[in-house]
Amino acid sequence: MVRSCEVLRLFPSLYRLKASKSATVSERLTGDRVSWRWIREPMGRTTNELDALLELIASVSLDSNNLDSWRWGLSSDGTFTVKKLSTLVDVQLLGPIINVKETRNNLVPKKVKIFIWRALKKKIPVRLELDKRGIDLHSVRCPLCDDDLESVDHSVIFCNRVYDIWNRVYNWWNLGNVPTSSLEELLNIDQTNQGSKQGRMILQAICWTCAYLVWKNRKSLIFQNKAWNSPVSLNEIQVKSFEWNSNRAKGRNFDWQTWIRNPSIYLL
């Protein structure tokens, strides 16, 4: 809509023909129609301004029985809520079509789910991906081990320092060897037949927490020169995963000592 201060600039001839310059919209409404009151009827070039004004307000619905109110244009009912805005932000970040298996685990915060989605789509800023996008780097090798190119899979799993943490996590849960075929196999562990459905979701939440904190600690080492300490990283994974699971897993009671000493019981 046009603001009142712009009417004179856009429609100067019509403005001069108004019988009352201070009339309100409601005073000019008769039912759902506008009753124009002119000093004289518009003629000549003034009719061009009237046509432009009528075209401008053609899509506006006026109702003298209701007070003016704000409507949110991104909602069908015109009501703004934080939840609706959050959904729209998710669509912009994750895209309108999302693999449900990649983001359905609600035992971790949204920031972890977003990271997992980005990792599976190869959208985290590792050196190999940055090089593919034309960013000039002095090296594309892993800054932690220098044994291989810094790909997404290497930085999240196969780097020697990272793989040591995954081994510690798998030993903690008595799961045997860490899957080494792909990042997808490791992070979609809920698709296996091990344990109950909720147990698999808990285990997947552990893996997602591990991947997220590995990446976070990796960045701290590279950009803040912090020390890489596998036992400390494992402890952080244990604490965060316990906090997130115990707050989000409905109908399950988590005990800290059991979580540390015999967590596989939660797979049942």
Protein backbone atom coordinates (compact mmCIF):
# COMPACT_ATOMS: atom_id res chain seq x y z
CA MET A 1 0.00 0.00 0.00
CA VAL A 2 0.96 3.62 -0.52
CA ARG A 3 1.69 5.68 2.58
CA SER A 4 -0.32 8.89 3.00
CA CYS A 5 2.81 11.01 2.69
CA GLU A 6 3.33 9.56 -0.78
CA VAL A 7 -0.16 10.34 -2.11
CA LEU A 8 0.66 13.93 -2.95
CA ARG A 9 3.81 12.88 -4.80
CA LEU A 10 2.13 10.08 -6.77
CA PHE A 11 -1.27 11.65 -7.41
CA PRO A 12 -0.88 15.46 -7.11
CA SER A 13 -3.85 16.35 -9.34
CA LEU A 14 -6.22 14.02 -7.51
CA TYR A 15 -5.02 15.34 -4.17
CA ARG A 16 -5.95 18.88 -5.18
CA LEU A 17 -9.46 17.66 -6.10
CA LYS A 18 -10.15 16.10 -2.68
CA ALA A 19 -13.05 17.75 -0.89
CA SER A 20 -11.44 17.06 2.48
CA LYS A 21 -7.69 16.60 2.84
CA SER A 22 -8.02 15.10 6.37
CA ALA A 23 -10.74 12.49 5.74
CA THR A 24 -10.09 8.97 6.99
CA VAL A 25 -10.55 5.80 4.97
CA SER A 26 -13.51 4.68 7.10
CA GLU A 27 -15.28 7.98 6.36
CA ARG A 28 -15.08 7.22 2.66
CA LEU A 29 -16.33 3.63 2.90
CA THR A 30 -19.89 2.72 2.00
CA GLY A 31 -20.14 -1.00 2.64
CA ASP A 32 -17.16 -2.38 0.79
CA ARG A 33 -17.03 0.45 -1.73
CA VAL A 34 -15.09 3.72 -1.61
CA SER A 35 -17.16 6.90 -2.01
CA TRP A 36 -14.96 9.51 -3.63
CA ARG A 37 -15.72 13.15 -2.80
CA TRP A 38 -14.22 15.60 -5.24
CA ILE A 39 -14.44 19.34 -5.61
CA ARG A 40 -15.27 18.48 -9.22
CA GLU A 41 -15.14 15.25 -11.18
CA PRO A 42 -11.69 14.26 -12.48
CA MET A 43 -11.23 15.05 -16.15
CA GLY A 44 -8.48 14.94 -18.75
CA ARG A 45 -5.07 13.92 -17.44
CA THR A 46 -6.45 13.62 -13.92
CA THR A 47 -8.39 10.53 -15.00
CA ASN A 48 -5.02 8.82 -15.70
CA GLU A 49 -4.06 9.34 -12.06
CA LEU A 50 -7.45 7.99 -10.95
CA ASP A 51 -6.99 4.87 -13.10
CA ALA A 52 -3.52 4.32 -11.60
CA LEU A 53 -4.90 4.72 -8.07
CA LEU A 54 -7.76 2.30 -8.70
CA GLU A 55 -5.31 -0.25 -10.09
CA LEU A 56 -3.10 0.17 -7.03
CA ILE A 57 -5.90 -0.51 -4.53
CA ALA A 58 -7.73 -3.15 -6.60
CA SER A 59 -6.26 -6.02 -4.56
CA VAL A 60 -6.97 -4.34 -1.20
CA SER A 61 -9.98 -5.56 0.79
CA LEU A 62 -11.50 -2.84 2.97
CA ASP A 63 -13.89 -3.56 5.83
CA SER A 64 -15.31 -0.73 7.92
CA ASN A 65 -16.51 -3.17 10.59
CA ASN A 66 -13.02 -4.25 11.68
CA LEU A 67 -10.08 -2.41 13.14
CA ASP A 68 -6.82 -2.18 11.22
CA SER A 69 -4.41 -4.99 12.01
CA TRP A 70 -1.04 -6.38 10.93
CA ARG A 71 -0.92 -9.49 8.75
CA TRP A 72 2.18 -11.63 8.20
CA GLY A 73 2.52 -12.20 4.46
CA LEU A 74 4.45 -15.49 4.85
CA SER A 75 1.57 -17.24 6.60
CA SER A 76 -1.74 -18.25 4.99
CA ASP A 77 -3.74 -17.02 8.00
CA GLY A 78 -1.65 -13.86 8.41
CA THR A 79 -0.58 -14.80 11.95
CA PHE A 80 3.08 -14.60 12.96
CA THR A 81 4.51 -17.26 15.27
CA VAL A 82 8.08 -18.16 16.12
CA LYS A 83 7.36 -21.80 15.18
CA LYS A 84 6.28 -20.83 11.66
CA LEU A 85 9.33 -18.64 11.26
CA SER A 86 11.57 -21.45 12.52
CA THR A 87 10.07 -23.81 9.94
CA LEU A 88 10.74 -21.33 7.14
CA VAL A 89 14.33 -20.87 8.33
CA ASP A 90 14.80 -24.67 8.33
CA VAL A 91 13.56 -24.85 4.75
CA GLN A 92 16.04 -22.18 3.70
CA LEU A 93 18.94 -23.90 5.52
CA LEU A 94 18.15 -27.52 4.74
CA GLY A 95 16.10 -27.22 1.57
CA PRO A 96 12.45 -28.14 1.03
CA ILE A 97 13.22 -31.83 0.41
CA ILE A 98 15.20 -33.48 3.19
CA ASN A 99 16.07 -37.14 3.59
CA VAL A 100 14.06 -38.01 6.69
CA LYS A 101 16.60 -40.62 7.81
CA GLU A 102 19.27 -37.94 7.93
CA THR A 103 17.49 -35.51 10.23
CA ARG A 104 14.74 -37.31 12.13
CA ASN A 105 16.64 -38.05 15.36
CA ASN A 106 15.27 -35.71 18.02
CA LEU A 107 17.68 -36.81 20.75
CA VAL A 108 20.22 -34.17 19.70
CA PRO A 109 19.90 -30.37 19.30
CA LYS A 110 19.03 -28.84 15.96
CA LYS A 111 22.58 -27.55 15.48
CA VAL A 112 23.83 -31.16 15.52
CA LYS A 113 21.20 -32.29 13.00
CA ILE A 114 22.14 -29.42 10.69
CA PHE A 115 25.81 -30.40 10.92
CA ILE A 116 25.00 -34.06 10.14
CA TRP A 117 22.94 -33.03 7.12
CA ARG A 118 25.78 -30.82 5.88
CA ALA A 119 28.36 -33.56 6.43
CA LEU A 120 26.32 -36.15 4.53
CA LYS A 121 25.85 -33.65 1.68
CA LYS A 122 29.61 -32.86 1.69
CA LYS A 123 28.87 -29.26 2.60
CA ILE A 124 31.24 -28.67 5.51
CA PRO A 125 34.25 -26.47 4.70
CA VAL A 126 37.07 -29.02 4.50
CA ARG A 127 40.04 -28.14 2.31
CA LEU A 128 39.18 -30.50 -0.54
CA GLU A 129 35.67 -29.06 -0.89
CA LEU A 130 36.97 -25.49 -0.67
CA ASP A 131 39.51 -26.25 -3.40
CA LYS A 132 36.71 -27.58 -5.63
CA ARG A 133 34.98 -24.22 -5.24
CA GLY A 134 38.01 -22.32 -6.48
CA ILE A 135 39.36 -21.14 -3.13
CA ASP A 136 43.16 -20.94 -3.33
CA LEU A 137 44.75 -22.84 -0.43
CA HIS A 138 48.41 -23.52 0.27
CA SER A 139 47.57 -27.22 0.79
CA VAL A 140 44.59 -29.56 0.66
CA ARG A 141 46.13 -32.16 2.95
CA CYS A 142 44.79 -32.86 6.42
CA PRO A 143 46.23 -30.28 8.87
CA LEU A 144 46.05 -32.80 11.72
CA CYS A 145 47.84 -35.85 10.32
CA ASP A 146 49.13 -34.74 6.89
CA ASP A 147 48.60 -38.34 5.71
CA ASP A 148 45.78 -37.75 3.24
CA LEU A 149 43.60 -35.11 1.57
CA GLU A 150 41.22 -33.33 3.91
CA SER A 151 37.90 -34.67 2.63
CA VAL A 152 34.69 -34.77 4.66
CA ASP A 153 35.04 -38.51 5.35
CA HIS A 154 38.69 -38.13 6.32
CA SER A 155 38.09 -35.21 8.69
CA VAL A 156 35.10 -36.83 10.45
CA ILE A 157 36.29 -40.48 10.54
CA PHE A 158 39.51 -41.60 8.89
CA CYS A 159 42.09 -39.14 10.19
CA ASN A 160 44.25 -41.13 12.63
CA ARG A 161 43.57 -38.74 15.48
CA VAL A 162 39.84 -38.76 14.82
CA TYR A 163 39.64 -42.52 14.32
CA ASP A 164 41.19 -42.99 17.77
CA ILE A 165 38.20 -41.17 19.28
CA TRP A 166 35.73 -43.30 17.33
CA ASN A 167 37.49 -46.42 18.62
CA ARG A 168 37.13 -45.17 22.18
CA VAL A 169 33.42 -44.50 21.65
CA TYR A 170 32.85 -47.97 20.18
CA ASN A 171 34.80 -49.60 23.00
CA TRP A 172 32.76 -47.62 25.50
CA TRP A 173 29.56 -49.14 24.00
CA ASN A 174 31.12 -52.58 23.39
CA LEU A 175 30.27 -52.39 19.69
CA GLY A 176 33.40 -53.95 18.22
CA ASN A 177 35.10 -52.37 15.22
CA VAL A 178 34.20 -48.97 13.82
CA PRO A 179 32.52 -49.21 10.38
CA THR A 180 35.00 -47.92 7.83
CA SER A 181 33.12 -48.16 4.54
CA SER A 182 31.56 -44.68 4.51
CA LEU A 183 30.37 -41.76 6.55
CA GLU A 184 26.78 -42.65 5.63
CA GLU A 185 27.07 -46.11 7.21
CA LEU A 186 28.49 -44.69 10.41
CA LEU A 187 25.95 -41.90 10.85
CA ASN A 188 22.87 -43.89 9.75
CA ILE A 189 23.48 -46.59 12.35
CA ASP A 190 19.78 -46.54 13.31
CA GLN A 191 19.09 -48.55 10.15
CA THR A 192 20.83 -51.62 11.61
CA ASN A 193 18.99 -54.41 13.44
CA GLN A 194 20.88 -53.95 16.68
CA GLY A 195 18.74 -53.31 19.77
CA SER A 196 15.27 -51.77 20.00
CA LYS A 197 14.11 -48.89 17.80
CA GLN A 198 14.65 -46.36 20.58
CA GLY A 199 17.96 -48.02 21.45
CA ARG A 200 19.16 -47.54 17.87
CA MET A 201 18.09 -43.92 18.00
CA ILE A 202 20.11 -43.46 21.19
CA LEU A 203 23.13 -45.08 19.58
CA GLN A 204 22.74 -42.91 16.50
CA ALA A 205 22.56 -39.86 18.75
CA ILE A 206 25.91 -40.94 20.26
CA CYS A 207 27.47 -41.16 16.78
CA TRP A 208 26.05 -37.80 15.74
CA THR A 209 27.33 -36.24 18.96
CA CYS A 210 30.76 -37.75 18.33
CA ALA A 211 30.88 -36.46 14.74
CA TYR A 212 29.73 -32.98 15.80
CA LEU A 213 32.23 -32.65 18.67
CA VAL A 214 35.07 -34.12 16.57
CA TRP A 215 34.47 -31.40 14.00
CA LYS A 216 34.17 -28.73 16.69
CA ASN A 217 37.42 -29.81 18.38
CA ARG A 218 39.13 -30.11 15.01
CA LYS A 219 38.33 -26.46 14.28
CA SER A 220 39.60 -25.44 17.73
CA LEU A 221 42.89 -27.19 17.05
CA ILE A 222 43.33 -25.60 13.62
CA PHE A 223 42.13 -22.06 14.33
CA GLN A 224 42.82 -21.66 18.06
CA ASN A 225 45.83 -23.96 18.36
CA LYS A 226 44.18 -25.98 21.14
CA ALA A 227 45.64 -29.38 22.07
CA TRP A 228 44.06 -32.56 20.67
CA ASN A 229 43.35 -34.95 23.54
CA SER A 230 41.39 -38.13 22.78
CA PRO A 231 40.48 -39.00 26.41
CA VAL A 232 39.23 -35.45 27.00
CA SER A 233 37.24 -35.60 23.76
CA LEU A 234 35.66 -38.91 24.81
CA ASN A 235 34.68 -37.43 28.15
CA GLU A 236 33.07 -34.47 26.41
CA ILE A 237 31.11 -36.86 24.16
CA GLN A 238 29.95 -38.86 27.18
CA VAL A 239 28.81 -35.75 29.06
CA LYS A 240 27.05 -34.07 26.13
CA SER A 241 25.35 -37.24 24.88
CA PHE A 242 24.14 -38.04 28.41
CA GLU A 243 22.75 -34.52 28.79
CA TRP A 244 21.00 -34.52 25.40
CA ASN A 245 19.60 -38.05 25.62
CA SER A 246 18.38 -37.78 29.21
CA ASN A 247 16.57 -34.53 28.40
CA ARG A 248 14.99 -35.76 25.17
CA ALA A 249 14.37 -39.53 25.34
CA LYS A 250 10.78 -39.93 26.48
CA GLY A 251 10.03 -42.73 28.94
CA ARG A 252 13.69 -43.54 29.61
CA ASN A 253 15.56 -42.91 32.85
CA PHE A 254 19.30 -42.43 32.45
CA ASP A 255 21.75 -43.07 35.25
CA TRP A 256 25.17 -41.46 34.94
CA GLN A 257 27.17 -44.36 36.38
CA THR A 258 25.37 -46.85 34.12
CA TRP A 259 25.89 -44.50 31.17
CA ILE A 260 29.64 -44.55 31.74
CA ARG A 261 30.16 -48.18 32.74
CA ASN A 262 27.50 -50.16 30.85
CA PRO A 263 25.74 -47.94 28.29
CA SER A 264 24.78 -50.84 26.01
CA ILE A 265 21.88 -51.54 28.37
CA TYR A 266 20.13 -48.57 26.76
CA LEU A 267 20.06 -50.41 23.44
CA LEU A 268 17.38 -52.75 24.80
